[in-house]
Amino acid sequence: MTQVIETPIIEGAEVSALLPQKPPMEMVDKLWFHDDTYSISGLLIKHDNVFCKNGVLREPGLMENIAQTAGLRLGYMVQQMQKNGAAIKPPLGYIGGIKNLIIHQLPPVGAELKTEIFVQAVVFEVTLISAKSSINGEPVASCEMKIFLKKD
């Protein structure tokens, strides 16, 4: 399910506030779409990205982008549920497993990576997602990922 959206819901510092990762480890900079089970993030790939080498975003950066898209989704949900304006404490998640990983291409510096995630199941502190990343509609990567949330 690919959505055509012209302006992000949130971007920049608003995204940073919803993530436990901080620069230089932030791998999302926009939230394009969000509903109960589906979200789309964006990342403008810059030359100083810690996962860039030889002008492209490497495989670990793609995996981290997918995981952080799931983290951004959850952070945004928490923000929307807050009623009293209290400070946001983004939940901390860990990649628990990656399955059926396919990397079609490594995206170049200057490209806008869009990553779509679909929540397949949530069981206790484990979320199973399917994900696909693309640039201008061209596939970049896809996988299934298990994400474990740290209990406070």
C-alpha atoms as a PDB file:
ATOM      1  CA  MET A   1       0.000   0.000   0.000  1.00  0.00           C
ATOM      2  CA  THR A   2       1.829   3.093  -1.195  1.00  0.00           C
ATOM      3  CA  GLN A   3       0.394   6.456  -0.167  1.00  0.00           C
ATOM      4  CA  VAL A   4       0.919   9.611  -2.211  1.00  0.00           C
ATOM      5  CA  ILE A   5       1.440  12.429   0.263  1.00  0.00           C
ATOM      6  CA  GLU A   6       2.809  15.852  -0.530  1.00  0.00           C
ATOM      7  CA  THR A   7       3.774  17.211   2.902  1.00  0.00           C
ATOM      8  CA  PRO A   8       5.056  15.376   5.972  1.00  0.00           C
ATOM      9  CA  ILE A   9       3.025  15.187   9.182  1.00  0.00           C
ATOM     10  CA  ILE A  10       6.157  16.117  11.150  1.00  0.00           C
ATOM     11  CA  GLU A  11       9.819  16.668  10.310  1.00  0.00           C
ATOM     12  CA  GLY A  12      13.159  17.826  11.700  1.00  0.00           C
ATOM     13  CA  ALA A  13      13.265  18.640  15.417  1.00  0.00           C
ATOM     14  CA  GLU A  14       9.741  17.293  15.936  1.00  0.00           C
ATOM     15  CA  VAL A  15      10.938  13.891  14.698  1.00  0.00           C
ATOM     16  CA  SER A  16      14.030  14.059  16.932  1.00  0.00           C
ATOM     17  CA  ALA A  17      11.844  14.617  19.984  1.00  0.00           C
ATOM     18  CA  LEU A  18      10.043  11.333  19.335  1.00  0.00           C
ATOM     19  CA  LEU A  19      13.138   9.149  18.956  1.00  0.00           C
ATOM     20  CA  PRO A  20      15.544   7.783  21.546  1.00  0.00           C
ATOM     21  CA  GLN A  21      18.343   7.951  18.944  1.00  0.00           C
ATOM     22  CA  LYS A  22      20.123  11.272  18.592  1.00  0.00           C
ATOM     23  CA  PRO A  23      22.516  12.608  15.934  1.00  0.00           C
ATOM     24  CA  PRO A  24      24.551  11.185  14.380  1.00  0.00           C
ATOM     25  CA  MET A  25      22.464   8.001  14.737  1.00  0.00           C
ATOM     26  CA  GLU A  26      19.097   9.383  13.587  1.00  0.00           C
ATOM     27  CA  MET A  27      18.046   7.562  10.421  1.00  0.00           C
ATOM     28  CA  VAL A  28      14.625   9.220   9.883  1.00  0.00           C
ATOM     29  CA  ASP A  29      13.841  12.899   9.485  1.00  0.00           C
ATOM     30  CA  LYS A  30      10.175  12.939   8.397  1.00  0.00           C
ATOM     31  CA  LEU A  31       6.915  11.172   9.126  1.00  0.00           C
ATOM     32  CA  TRP A  32       4.862  11.200   5.923  1.00  0.00           C
ATOM     33  CA  PHE A  33       1.915   9.055   6.984  1.00  0.00           C
ATOM     34  CA  HIS A  34       0.602   7.227  10.035  1.00  0.00           C
ATOM     35  CA  ASP A  35      -2.442   5.156  10.955  1.00  0.00           C
ATOM     36  CA  ASP A  36      -3.100   2.244  13.319  1.00  0.00           C
ATOM     37  CA  THR A  37      -0.938  -0.293  11.477  1.00  0.00           C
ATOM     38  CA  TYR A  38       0.874   1.544   8.692  1.00  0.00           C
ATOM     39  CA  SER A  39       3.473   4.333   8.668  1.00  0.00           C
ATOM     40  CA  ILE A  40       5.790   5.994   6.155  1.00  0.00           C
ATOM     41  CA  SER A  41       9.014   7.747   7.127  1.00  0.00           C
ATOM     42  CA  GLY A  42      11.468   9.768   5.102  1.00  0.00           C
ATOM     43  CA  LEU A  43      15.213  10.240   5.229  1.00  0.00           C
ATOM     44  CA  LEU A  44      17.215  12.652   3.116  1.00  0.00           C
ATOM     45  CA  ILE A  45      20.531  10.834   2.750  1.00  0.00           C
ATOM     46  CA  LYS A  46      23.391  13.223   3.501  1.00  0.00           C
ATOM     47  CA  HIS A  47      27.104  12.762   2.847  1.00  0.00           C
ATOM     48  CA  ASP A  48      27.928  12.923   6.577  1.00  0.00           C
ATOM     49  CA  ASN A  49      25.559  10.075   7.507  1.00  0.00           C
ATOM     50  CA  VAL A  50      27.504   7.601   9.671  1.00  0.00           C
ATOM     51  CA  PHE A  51      26.286   4.716   7.492  1.00  0.00           C
ATOM     52  CA  CYS A  52      27.350   6.279   4.174  1.00  0.00           C
ATOM     53  CA  LYS A  53      30.443   5.062   2.406  1.00  0.00           C
ATOM     54  CA  ASN A  54      31.548   5.720  -1.164  1.00  0.00           C
ATOM     55  CA  GLY A  55      28.506   7.926  -1.811  1.00  0.00           C
ATOM     56  CA  VAL A  56      25.798   5.424  -0.793  1.00  0.00           C
ATOM     57  CA  LEU A  57      23.870   4.468   2.334  1.00  0.00           C
ATOM     58  CA  ARG A  58      25.160   1.026   3.363  1.00  0.00           C
ATOM     59  CA  GLU A  59      23.141  -2.000   4.492  1.00  0.00           C
ATOM     60  CA  PRO A  60      23.299  -1.302   8.274  1.00  0.00           C
ATOM     61  CA  GLY A  61      21.853   2.153   7.614  1.00  0.00           C
ATOM     62  CA  LEU A  62      18.931   0.631   5.733  1.00  0.00           C
ATOM     63  CA  MET A  63      18.185  -1.733   8.621  1.00  0.00           C
ATOM     64  CA  GLU A  64      18.478   1.065  11.175  1.00  0.00           C
ATOM     65  CA  ASN A  65      16.165   3.228   9.061  1.00  0.00           C
ATOM     66  CA  ILE A  66      13.501   0.506   9.130  1.00  0.00           C
ATOM     67  CA  ALA A  67      13.854   0.036  12.894  1.00  0.00           C
ATOM     68  CA  GLN A  68      13.701   3.781  13.514  1.00  0.00           C
ATOM     69  CA  THR A  69      10.608   4.066  11.328  1.00  0.00           C
ATOM     70  CA  ALA A  70       8.945   1.656  13.766  1.00  0.00           C
ATOM     71  CA  GLY A  71      10.316   3.713  16.682  1.00  0.00           C
ATOM     72  CA  LEU A  72       9.024   6.937  15.152  1.00  0.00           C
ATOM     73  CA  ARG A  73       5.617   5.324  14.685  1.00  0.00           C
ATOM     74  CA  LEU A  74       5.458   4.396  18.347  1.00  0.00           C
ATOM     75  CA  GLY A  75       6.783   7.762  19.532  1.00  0.00           C
ATOM     76  CA  TYR A  76       4.161   9.536  17.437  1.00  0.00           C
ATOM     77  CA  MET A  77       1.417   7.320  18.888  1.00  0.00           C
ATOM     78  CA  VAL A  78       2.584   8.109  22.429  1.00  0.00           C
ATOM     79  CA  GLN A  79       2.610  11.828  21.629  1.00  0.00           C
ATOM     80  CA  GLN A  80      -0.919  11.683  20.244  1.00  0.00           C
ATOM     81  CA  MET A  81      -2.197   9.874  23.348  1.00  0.00           C
ATOM     82  CA  GLN A  82      -0.743  12.346  25.815  1.00  0.00           C
ATOM     83  CA  LYS A  83      -3.400  14.650  27.181  1.00  0.00           C
ATOM     84  CA  ASN A  84      -1.538  16.769  29.729  1.00  0.00           C
ATOM     85  CA  GLY A  85       1.404  18.066  27.667  1.00  0.00           C
ATOM     86  CA  ALA A  86       3.980  16.123  29.698  1.00  0.00           C
ATOM     87  CA  ALA A  87       7.452  15.621  28.247  1.00  0.00           C
ATOM     88  CA  ILE A  88       7.723  12.704  25.834  1.00  0.00           C
ATOM     89  CA  LYS A  89       9.949   9.795  26.743  1.00  0.00           C
ATOM     90  CA  PRO A  90      10.280   7.733  23.570  1.00  0.00           C
ATOM     91  CA  PRO A  91      10.246   3.991  24.234  1.00  0.00           C
ATOM     92  CA  LEU A  92      13.500   2.176  23.587  1.00  0.00           C
ATOM     93  CA  GLY A  93      13.392  -0.727  21.159  1.00  0.00           C
ATOM     94  CA  TYR A  94      15.871  -3.323  19.984  1.00  0.00           C
ATOM     95  CA  ILE A  95      16.029  -5.249  16.731  1.00  0.00           C
ATOM     96  CA  GLY A  96      15.296  -8.837  17.734  1.00  0.00           C
ATOM     97  CA  GLY A  97      15.451 -10.434  14.316  1.00  0.00           C
ATOM     98  CA  ILE A  98      15.457  -9.755  10.595  1.00  0.00           C
ATOM     99  CA  LYS A  99      13.912 -12.189   8.123  1.00  0.00           C
ATOM    100  CA  ASN A 100      13.581 -12.316   4.332  1.00  0.00           C
ATOM    101  CA  LEU A 101      15.906  -9.356   3.805  1.00  0.00           C
ATOM    102  CA  ILE A 102      16.226  -8.254   0.189  1.00  0.00           C
ATOM    103  CA  ILE A 103      18.434  -5.321  -0.801  1.00  0.00           C
ATOM    104  CA  HIS A 104      17.751  -4.196  -4.351  1.00  0.00           C
ATOM    105  CA  GLN A 105      20.136  -1.228  -4.381  1.00  0.00           C
ATOM    106  CA  LEU A 106      22.094   1.057  -2.084  1.00  0.00           C
ATOM    107  CA  PRO A 107      20.623   4.569  -2.153  1.00  0.00           C
ATOM    108  CA  PRO A 108      22.934   7.426  -3.123  1.00  0.00           C
ATOM    109  CA  VAL A 109      23.704  10.545  -1.121  1.00  0.00           C
ATOM    110  CA  GLY A 110      21.133  13.227  -1.916  1.00  0.00           C
ATOM    111  CA  ALA A 111      18.264  10.775  -2.405  1.00  0.00           C
ATOM    112  CA  GLU A 112      15.068  10.827  -0.319  1.00  0.00           C
ATOM    113  CA  LEU A 113      14.502   7.359   1.126  1.00  0.00           C
ATOM    114  CA  LYS A 114      10.881   6.511   1.951  1.00  0.00           C
ATOM    115  CA  THR A 115      10.258   3.572   4.234  1.00  0.00           C
ATOM    116  CA  GLU A 116       6.877   1.950   4.717  1.00  0.00           C
ATOM    117  CA  ILE A 117       6.155  -0.336   7.640  1.00  0.00           C
ATOM    118  CA  PHE A 118       3.108  -2.456   8.294  1.00  0.00           C
ATOM    119  CA  VAL A 119       2.523  -3.869  11.772  1.00  0.00           C
ATOM    120  CA  GLN A 120       1.795  -7.584  11.386  1.00  0.00           C
ATOM    121  CA  ALA A 121       1.378  -8.415  15.084  1.00  0.00           C
ATOM    122  CA  VAL A 122       2.072  -7.118  18.575  1.00  0.00           C
ATOM    123  CA  VAL A 123       2.546  -9.686  21.338  1.00  0.00           C
ATOM    124  CA  PHE A 124       3.501  -8.295  24.736  1.00  0.00           C
ATOM    125  CA  GLU A 125       6.705  -6.304  24.132  1.00  0.00           C
ATOM    126  CA  VAL A 126       7.385  -7.765  20.671  1.00  0.00           C
ATOM    127  CA  THR A 127       6.234  -6.094  17.455  1.00  0.00           C
ATOM    128  CA  LEU A 128       6.501  -7.894  14.114  1.00  0.00           C
ATOM    129  CA  ILE A 129       6.608  -5.581  11.096  1.00  0.00           C
ATOM    130  CA  SER A 130       7.018  -5.947   7.367  1.00  0.00           C
ATOM    131  CA  ALA A 131       8.908  -3.121   5.709  1.00  0.00           C
ATOM    132  CA  LYS A 132       9.911  -1.806   2.327  1.00  0.00           C
ATOM    133  CA  SER A 133      12.079   1.137   1.378  1.00  0.00           C
ATOM    134  CA  SER A 134      12.138   2.956  -1.926  1.00  0.00           C
ATOM    135  CA  ILE A 135      13.495   5.981  -3.768  1.00  0.00           C
ATOM    136  CA  ASN A 136      11.124   7.618  -6.261  1.00  0.00           C
ATOM    137  CA  GLY A 137       9.045   4.413  -6.266  1.00  0.00           C
ATOM    138  CA  GLU A 138      12.052   2.202  -7.065  1.00  0.00           C
ATOM    139  CA  PRO A 139      12.609  -0.597  -4.510  1.00  0.00           C
ATOM    140  CA  VAL A 140      15.635  -0.308  -2.230  1.00  0.00           C
ATOM    141  CA  ALA A 141      15.097  -2.910   0.513  1.00  0.00           C
ATOM    142  CA  SER A 142      12.437  -5.072   2.142  1.00  0.00           C
ATOM    143  CA  CYS A 143      12.284  -7.374   5.149  1.00  0.00           C
ATOM    144  CA  GLU A 144      10.356  -8.561   8.158  1.00  0.00           C
ATOM    145  CA  MET A 145      11.655  -7.377  11.515  1.00  0.00           C
ATOM    146  CA  LYS A 146      10.987  -8.258  15.140  1.00  0.00           C
ATOM    147  CA  ILE A 147      11.355  -5.346  17.504  1.00  0.00           C
ATOM    148  CA  PHE A 148      11.544  -5.792  21.270  1.00  0.00           C
ATOM    149  CA  LEU A 149      10.510  -2.881  23.465  1.00  0.00           C
ATOM    150  CA  LYS A 150      12.305  -2.301  26.739  1.00  0.00           C
ATOM    151  CA  LYS A 151       9.966  -2.323  29.717  1.00  0.00           C
ATOM    152  CA  ASP A 152      10.421   0.530  32.172  1.00  0.00           C
END
